[in-house]
Protein backbone atom coordinates (compact mmCIF):
# COMPACT_ATOMS: atom_id res chain seq x y z
CA UNK A 1 3.72 -54.38 18.81
CA UNK A 2 1.68 -52.08 16.59
CA UNK A 3 3.19 -49.87 13.91
CA UNK A 4 3.16 -46.08 14.38
CA UNK A 5 3.00 -44.11 11.15
CA UNK A 6 5.10 -40.94 11.36
CA UNK A 7 3.36 -37.68 10.33
CA UNK A 8 3.89 -36.53 6.79
CA UNK A 9 6.40 -33.72 6.26
CA UNK A 10 4.88 -30.24 6.35
CA UNK A 11 6.17 -26.73 5.73
CA UNK A 12 5.61 -23.54 7.75
CA UNK A 13 4.51 -20.34 6.07
CA UNK A 14 7.53 -19.09 4.16
CA UNK A 15 8.30 -17.76 0.70
CA UNK A 16 8.19 -19.67 -2.55
CA UNK A 17 11.79 -20.75 -3.21
CA UNK A 18 11.61 -20.38 -6.97
CA UNK A 19 10.14 -16.87 -6.94
CA UNK A 20 11.66 -14.99 -9.89
CA UNK A 21 9.34 -12.00 -10.08
CA UNK A 22 9.31 -8.77 -8.09
CA UNK A 23 6.10 -7.23 -6.79
CA UNK A 24 5.51 -3.71 -8.08
CA UNK A 25 2.82 -1.02 -8.05
CA UNK A 26 1.91 1.39 -10.85
CA UNK A 27 0.45 4.71 -9.64
CA UNK A 28 -1.32 7.38 -11.63
CA UNK A 29 -3.26 10.53 -10.88
CA UNK A 30 -4.86 13.59 -12.42
CA UNK A 31 -5.46 16.71 -10.31
CA UNK A 32 -7.06 20.08 -10.89
CA UNK A 33 -6.48 23.00 -8.52
CA UNK A 34 -8.18 26.36 -8.41
CA UNK A 35 -7.97 29.30 -6.05
CA UNK A 36 -11.62 30.14 -5.37
CA UNK A 37 -11.09 33.07 -2.99
CA UNK A 38 -7.99 34.78 -1.70
CA UNK A 39 -5.83 32.20 0.03
CA UNK A 40 -8.30 29.31 -0.35
CA UNK A 41 -7.49 26.56 -2.86
CA UNK A 42 -9.77 23.73 -4.02
CA UNK A 43 -8.15 20.55 -5.32
CA UNK A 44 -10.06 17.74 -7.05
CA UNK A 45 -8.30 14.69 -8.38
CA UNK A 46 -8.42 11.07 -9.43
CA UNK A 47 -5.79 8.85 -7.80
CA UNK A 48 -5.33 5.21 -8.69
CA UNK A 49 -2.88 2.33 -8.51
CA UNK A 50 -2.44 -1.18 -9.87
CA UNK A 51 -0.42 -3.73 -7.91
CA UNK A 52 1.10 -6.63 -9.83
CA UNK A 53 2.70 -9.84 -8.48
CA UNK A 54 1.69 -8.95 -4.93
CA UNK A 55 2.65 -11.46 -2.24
CA UNK A 56 -0.12 -13.55 -0.77
CA UNK A 57 -0.25 -16.93 0.95
CA UNK A 58 -1.32 -20.04 -0.96
CA UNK A 59 -1.33 -23.79 -0.35
CA UNK A 60 1.19 -25.41 -2.68
CA UNK A 61 0.12 -29.01 -1.95
CA UNK A 62 -3.68 -28.91 -1.82
CA UNK A 63 -6.04 -31.86 -2.05
CA UNK A 64 -6.64 -32.95 -5.62
CA UNK A 65 -9.59 -31.28 -7.32
CA UNK A 66 -12.58 -33.38 -8.37
CA UNK A 67 -15.35 -31.75 -10.42
CA UNK A 68 -18.82 -33.30 -10.17
CA UNK A 69 -21.68 -31.71 -12.13
CA UNK A 70 -19.68 -28.51 -12.41
CA UNK A 71 -19.00 -28.28 -8.64
CA UNK A 72 -15.45 -28.31 -7.24
CA UNK A 73 -14.83 -30.92 -4.54
CA UNK A 74 -11.64 -31.01 -2.48
CA UNK A 75 -13.03 -33.49 0.03
CA UNK A 76 -16.02 -35.57 1.02
CA UNK A 77 -17.90 -36.91 4.02
CA UNK A 78 -16.35 -40.22 5.11
CA UNK A 79 -17.81 -42.05 8.15
CA UNK A 80 -19.34 -38.82 9.40
CA UNK A 81 -16.06 -36.88 9.08
CA UNK A 82 -15.05 -34.43 6.36
CA UNK A 83 -11.91 -35.83 4.75
CA UNK A 84 -9.83 -34.10 2.12
CA UNK A 85 -8.99 -35.78 -1.18
CA UNK A 86 -5.44 -37.12 -1.55
CA UNK A 87 -3.00 -34.27 -1.91
CA UNK A 88 -1.15 -33.52 -5.14
CA UNK A 89 1.94 -35.03 -3.53
CA UNK A 90 0.54 -37.66 -1.14
CA UNK A 91 3.94 -37.98 0.55
CA UNK A 92 3.73 -34.40 1.86
CA UNK A 93 1.23 -32.58 4.06
CA UNK A 94 0.49 -28.86 4.27
CA UNK A 95 2.86 -26.54 2.38
CA UNK A 96 1.70 -22.92 2.47
CA UNK A 97 3.94 -20.07 1.42
CA UNK A 98 3.85 -16.52 0.11
CA UNK A 99 3.95 -16.23 -3.64
CA UNK A 100 3.76 -13.17 -5.96
CA UNK A 101 0.39 -14.10 -7.45
CA UNK A 102 -2.09 -11.44 -6.26
CA UNK A 103 -3.33 -8.35 -8.09
CA UNK A 104 -4.69 -5.14 -6.58
CA UNK A 105 -6.54 -2.18 -8.04
CA UNK A 106 -7.25 1.09 -6.23
CA UNK A 107 -9.37 3.96 -7.57
CA UNK A 108 -10.32 7.10 -5.71
CA UNK A 109 -11.76 10.60 -5.94
CA UNK A 110 -9.82 12.92 -3.64
CA UNK A 111 -10.86 16.47 -2.83
CA UNK A 112 -9.19 19.06 -0.60
CA UNK A 113 -10.18 22.57 0.41
CA UNK A 114 -7.22 24.40 1.94
CA UNK A 115 -7.25 27.89 3.47
CA UNK A 116 -3.84 29.38 4.10
CA UNK A 117 -3.25 31.20 7.37
CA UNK A 118 -5.05 34.53 7.17
CA UNK A 119 -6.89 36.67 9.70
CA UNK A 120 -5.64 34.38 12.45
CA UNK A 121 -7.24 31.26 10.91
CA UNK A 122 -5.88 28.30 8.96
CA UNK A 123 -8.16 25.40 7.92
CA UNK A 124 -8.26 22.33 5.71
CA UNK A 125 -10.91 19.76 4.85
CA UNK A 126 -10.21 16.62 2.81
CA UNK A 127 -12.58 13.93 1.55
CA UNK A 128 -11.78 10.69 -0.27
CA UNK A 129 -14.18 8.31 -1.97
CA UNK A 130 -12.34 5.13 -2.91
CA UNK A 131 -12.51 1.44 -3.67
CA UNK A 132 -9.75 -1.17 -3.52
CA UNK A 133 -10.18 -4.65 -5.04
CA UNK A 134 -7.76 -7.58 -4.95
CA UNK A 135 -7.65 -11.36 -4.86
CA UNK A 136 -5.33 -11.85 -1.91
CA UNK A 137 -4.15 -9.04 0.35
CA UNK A 138 -3.14 -10.77 3.55
CA UNK A 139 0.52 -9.83 3.14
CA UNK A 140 -0.36 -6.15 3.64
CA UNK A 141 -3.49 -6.47 5.76
CA UNK A 142 -4.40 -3.71 8.20
CA UNK A 143 -6.93 -5.89 9.99
CA UNK A 144 -6.69 -9.52 11.00
CA UNK A 145 -10.30 -10.43 10.28
CA UNK A 146 -9.67 -11.52 6.72
CA UNK A 147 -8.59 -14.66 4.88
CA UNK A 148 -5.00 -15.65 5.60
CA UNK A 149 -4.68 -17.94 2.58
CA UNK A 150 -6.11 -18.11 -0.91
CA UNK A 151 -9.15 -20.30 -0.34
CA UNK A 152 -9.31 -22.05 -3.69
CA UNK A 153 -5.76 -22.53 -5.07
CA UNK A 154 -7.24 -23.81 -8.31
CA UNK A 155 -9.19 -20.60 -9.00
CA UNK A 156 -8.01 -17.31 -7.46
CA UNK A 157 -11.03 -15.51 -8.92
CA UNK A 158 -13.00 -17.11 -6.09
CA UNK A 159 -11.19 -14.75 -3.68
CA UNK A 160 -11.68 -11.56 -5.67
CA UNK A 161 -13.19 -8.94 -3.40
CA UNK A 162 -12.50 -5.68 -1.62
CA UNK A 163 -9.08 -5.28 -0.01
CA UNK A 164 -8.91 -5.93 3.71
CA UNK A 165 -7.96 -2.28 4.20
CA UNK A 166 -10.65 -0.84 1.90
CA UNK A 167 -12.35 2.29 3.31
CA UNK A 168 -15.09 3.76 1.13
CA UNK A 169 -15.44 7.22 2.66
CA UNK A 170 -12.76 9.17 4.54
CA UNK A 171 -13.14 12.69 5.92
CA UNK A 172 -10.51 14.80 7.67
CA UNK A 173 -11.00 18.39 8.82
CA UNK A 174 -8.51 20.50 10.74
CA UNK A 175 -8.22 24.13 11.79
CA UNK A 176 -6.01 26.46 13.80
CA UNK A 177 -7.18 29.74 15.33
CA UNK A 178 -4.65 32.17 16.74
CA UNK A 179 -6.68 34.05 19.33
CA UNK A 180 -6.50 37.83 18.75
CA UNK A 181 -5.67 38.68 22.36
CA UNK A 182 -2.97 41.26 23.03
CA UNK A 183 -1.74 43.43 25.82
CA UNK A 184 0.46 41.37 28.13
CA UNK A 185 2.30 38.07 28.40
CA UNK A 186 -0.77 36.30 29.73
CA UNK A 187 -3.03 37.42 26.88
CA UNK A 188 -0.57 36.97 24.01
CA UNK A 189 0.21 33.73 22.19
CA UNK A 190 -2.96 31.65 22.65
CA UNK A 191 -3.97 29.17 19.91
CA UNK A 192 -6.73 26.60 19.53
CA UNK A 193 -6.47 23.75 17.03
CA UNK A 194 -8.59 20.73 16.27
CA UNK A 195 -8.82 17.66 14.02
CA UNK A 196 -12.01 15.79 13.11
CA UNK A 197 -11.62 12.28 11.69
CA UNK A 198 -14.43 10.16 10.25
CA UNK A 199 -14.44 7.14 7.98
CA UNK A 200 -16.59 4.17 7.10
CA UNK A 201 -15.79 0.72 8.45
CA UNK A 202 -13.27 -1.88 7.36
CA UNK A 203 -14.37 -5.10 5.67
CA UNK A 204 -14.18 -8.51 7.30
CA UNK A 205 -14.38 -12.10 6.10
CA UNK A 206 -17.42 -14.16 7.19
CA UNK A 207 -16.28 -17.77 7.56
CA UNK A 208 -17.61 -21.21 8.40
CA UNK A 209 -15.48 -21.39 11.54
CA UNK A 210 -14.75 -25.06 10.79
CA UNK A 211 -13.00 -26.84 7.94
CA UNK A 212 -16.03 -27.80 5.87
CA UNK A 213 -13.82 -28.45 2.81
CA UNK A 214 -11.33 -30.92 4.29
CA UNK A 215 -8.59 -28.48 3.38
CA UNK A 216 -6.62 -28.08 6.59
CA UNK A 217 -4.27 -25.26 5.58
CA UNK A 218 -6.75 -22.68 4.25
CA UNK A 219 -8.03 -21.54 7.61
CA UNK A 220 -11.80 -21.85 7.55
CA UNK A 221 -13.75 -21.53 4.29
CA UNK A 222 -16.76 -19.32 3.71
CA UNK A 223 -20.36 -20.56 4.05
CA UNK A 224 -23.32 -20.38 1.69
CA UNK A 225 -25.43 -17.23 1.73
CA UNK A 226 -29.20 -17.67 2.10
CA UNK A 227 -30.68 -15.65 -0.74
CA UNK A 228 -32.76 -12.64 0.25
CA UNK A 229 -31.65 -12.60 3.88
CA UNK A 230 -30.71 -9.22 5.40
CA UNK A 231 -27.16 -9.74 6.67
CA UNK A 232 -26.37 -6.41 8.30
CA UNK A 233 -28.20 -5.69 11.54
CA UNK A 234 -25.88 -3.17 13.19
CA UNK A 235 -26.24 -4.17 16.85
CA UNK A 236 -23.27 -4.66 19.17
CA UNK A 237 -24.50 -8.12 20.19
CA UNK A 238 -25.36 -9.04 16.58
CA UNK A 239 -23.60 -6.91 14.00
CA UNK A 240 -24.58 -9.40 11.29
CA UNK A 241 -27.26 -12.07 11.26
CA UNK A 242 -25.72 -15.60 11.47
CA UNK A 243 -29.02 -17.07 10.29
CA UNK A 244 -28.26 -15.67 6.82
CA UNK A 245 -25.62 -18.36 6.32
CA UNK A 246 -25.61 -22.15 6.02
CA UNK A 247 -22.87 -24.77 5.81
CA UNK A 248 -22.09 -25.80 2.25
CA UNK A 249 -21.99 -29.39 1.03
CA UNK A 250 -19.01 -31.16 2.65
CA UNK A 251 -15.86 -30.88 0.55
CA UNK A 252 -17.05 -27.82 -1.43
CA UNK A 253 -16.64 -24.06 -1.22
CA UNK A 254 -19.46 -21.78 -0.09
CA UNK A 255 -20.80 -18.97 -2.26
CA UNK A 256 -20.28 -16.08 0.20
CA UNK A 257 -17.78 -13.61 -1.19
CA UNK A 258 -14.50 -12.71 0.48
CA UNK A 259 -14.54 -9.69 2.82
CA UNK A 260 -18.26 -9.06 2.25
CA UNK A 261 -18.91 -7.95 5.84
CA UNK A 262 -18.44 -4.29 6.73
CA UNK A 263 -17.51 -3.15 10.21
CA UNK A 264 -18.59 -0.11 12.25
CA UNK A 265 -17.71 3.44 11.24
CA UNK A 266 -14.92 5.33 13.00
CA UNK A 267 -15.02 8.90 14.25
CA UNK A 268 -13.09 11.06 16.69
CA UNK A 269 -12.36 14.72 17.48
CA UNK A 270 -9.08 15.95 18.95
CA UNK A 271 -8.59 19.44 20.39
CA UNK A 272 -5.52 21.33 21.60
CA UNK A 273 -5.01 24.64 23.41
CA UNK A 274 -1.54 26.18 23.14
CA UNK A 275 0.09 29.16 24.80
CA UNK A 276 3.47 30.58 23.73
CA UNK A 277 5.09 32.99 26.20
CA UNK A 278 8.22 34.94 25.35
CA UNK A 279 10.58 35.10 28.33
CA UNK A 280 13.71 36.56 26.73
CA UNK A 281 14.90 37.13 23.17
CA UNK A 282 16.15 33.54 22.95
CA UNK A 283 13.90 31.78 25.45
CA UNK A 284 10.20 31.07 25.39
CA UNK A 285 7.85 28.71 27.20
CA UNK A 286 5.07 26.72 25.56
CA UNK A 287 2.09 25.31 27.42
CA UNK A 288 -0.09 22.66 25.74
CA UNK A 289 -3.40 21.17 26.82
CA UNK A 290 -4.43 18.33 24.48
CA UNK A 291 -7.74 16.46 24.42
CA UNK A 292 -7.88 13.27 22.37
CA UNK A 293 -11.34 11.97 21.45
CA UNK A 294 -12.77 14.87 23.42
CA UNK A 295 -16.34 13.66 22.95
CA UNK A 296 -15.39 10.20 24.30
CA UNK A 297 -16.98 8.63 21.22
CA UNK A 298 -16.97 4.83 21.37
CA UNK A 299 -15.50 3.29 18.22
CA UNK A 300 -16.38 -0.39 17.90
CA UNK A 301 -14.04 -3.10 16.66
CA UNK A 302 -14.92 -5.75 14.05
CA UNK A 303 -17.33 -8.53 15.06
CA UNK A 304 -16.56 -12.21 15.56
CA UNK A 305 -16.92 -13.58 12.03
CA UNK A 306 -16.94 -17.37 12.43
CA UNK A 307 -20.56 -18.53 12.01
CA UNK A 308 -20.30 -22.16 13.13
CA UNK A 309 -18.45 -24.44 15.51
CA UNK A 310 -18.14 -28.22 15.46
CA UNK A 311 -21.28 -28.44 17.58
CA UNK A 312 -23.51 -26.00 15.67
CA UNK A 313 -24.03 -22.25 15.32
CA UNK A 314 -21.38 -20.14 17.05
CA UNK A 315 -23.11 -18.21 19.86
CA UNK A 316 -20.51 -15.43 19.50
CA UNK A 317 -21.03 -14.96 15.75
CA UNK A 318 -21.60 -11.31 14.91
CA UNK A 319 -20.87 -9.99 18.40
CA UNK A 320 -18.50 -7.07 19.07
CA UNK A 321 -16.52 -7.33 22.29
CA UNK A 322 -13.87 -4.60 21.98
CA UNK A 323 -13.22 -1.07 20.77
CA UNK A 324 -10.58 0.54 18.59
CA UNK A 325 -8.82 3.83 19.16
CA UNK A 326 -8.85 5.26 22.66
CA UNK A 327 -11.33 6.63 25.14
CA UNK A 328 -11.04 10.32 26.02
CA UNK A 329 -7.48 11.23 26.98
CA UNK A 330 -6.27 14.58 28.35
CA UNK A 331 -2.64 15.56 28.70
CA UNK A 332 -0.79 18.73 29.70
CA UNK A 333 2.73 19.70 28.77
CA UNK A 334 5.12 22.56 29.45
CA UNK A 335 8.40 22.99 27.58
CA UNK A 336 11.11 25.55 27.22
CA UNK A 337 12.30 26.47 23.72
CA UNK A 338 15.71 28.09 23.36
């Protein structure tokens, strides 16, 4: 009878047992406020933060690193198959866990123009211009189209890029208008309010789609970028151009940066009509008609980011097949307040 070799021990994604540091964030800001006209205040400020010892996932038993002519190799092509180098501990297989090794930096300019309620109108507009950079933010990711694990455990600088939740421009505007109708219960108590939301897209990680490194626990590595190629196209069926990328040499890392893709912008307008009616001294009725995404604006999701498959170029690369947010929704409500 033949001999069956049992699989090597492996570890699920957990937390580093010997962790003796606590993640923390330092926050700082400087704001200036000025009342420019009666009841209207302008605020302009710098807001920043620095995260230290942030948790991110890393392979603790990677293939051994071999450097040839200044290039890092974690594997090679053997009999037509990409095979990883022997692991640091050859008696163990994949061991990924979360460790407090990542650093984040956030810087922003935040402005707000706020008008207090006067002459039946209250309004506010806020704008933020910001940038967030880290070298491993999966633990706190707001989108799933980013790297799950530090790609090169021997050099975390390789993963330095924008945070997976980085949004460059954010605009919010809201207003409430108490309609100046008087005379009877039907005319009194009407209000109209609205909120406009707009922001630029989230980043995403463009990947090989296959394990070109021979590094089975890192997800899929990133490809090489073809210099001078225009990546962003902006079409639903091809948000980025897959032809701008090529597979790197087997066993090596590509030169495309982490989270270099940028998804579609997001925008929506919500509107509400309210009517308060006094019935008695202690009882009133409130009617609400609410319209979410009243313009029925279609907000696109992130594109498929894997460029290749085992048989060649991924036909789905760059395509967007879903939306985020909701289509137009209308709801009515009536409640008694007492």
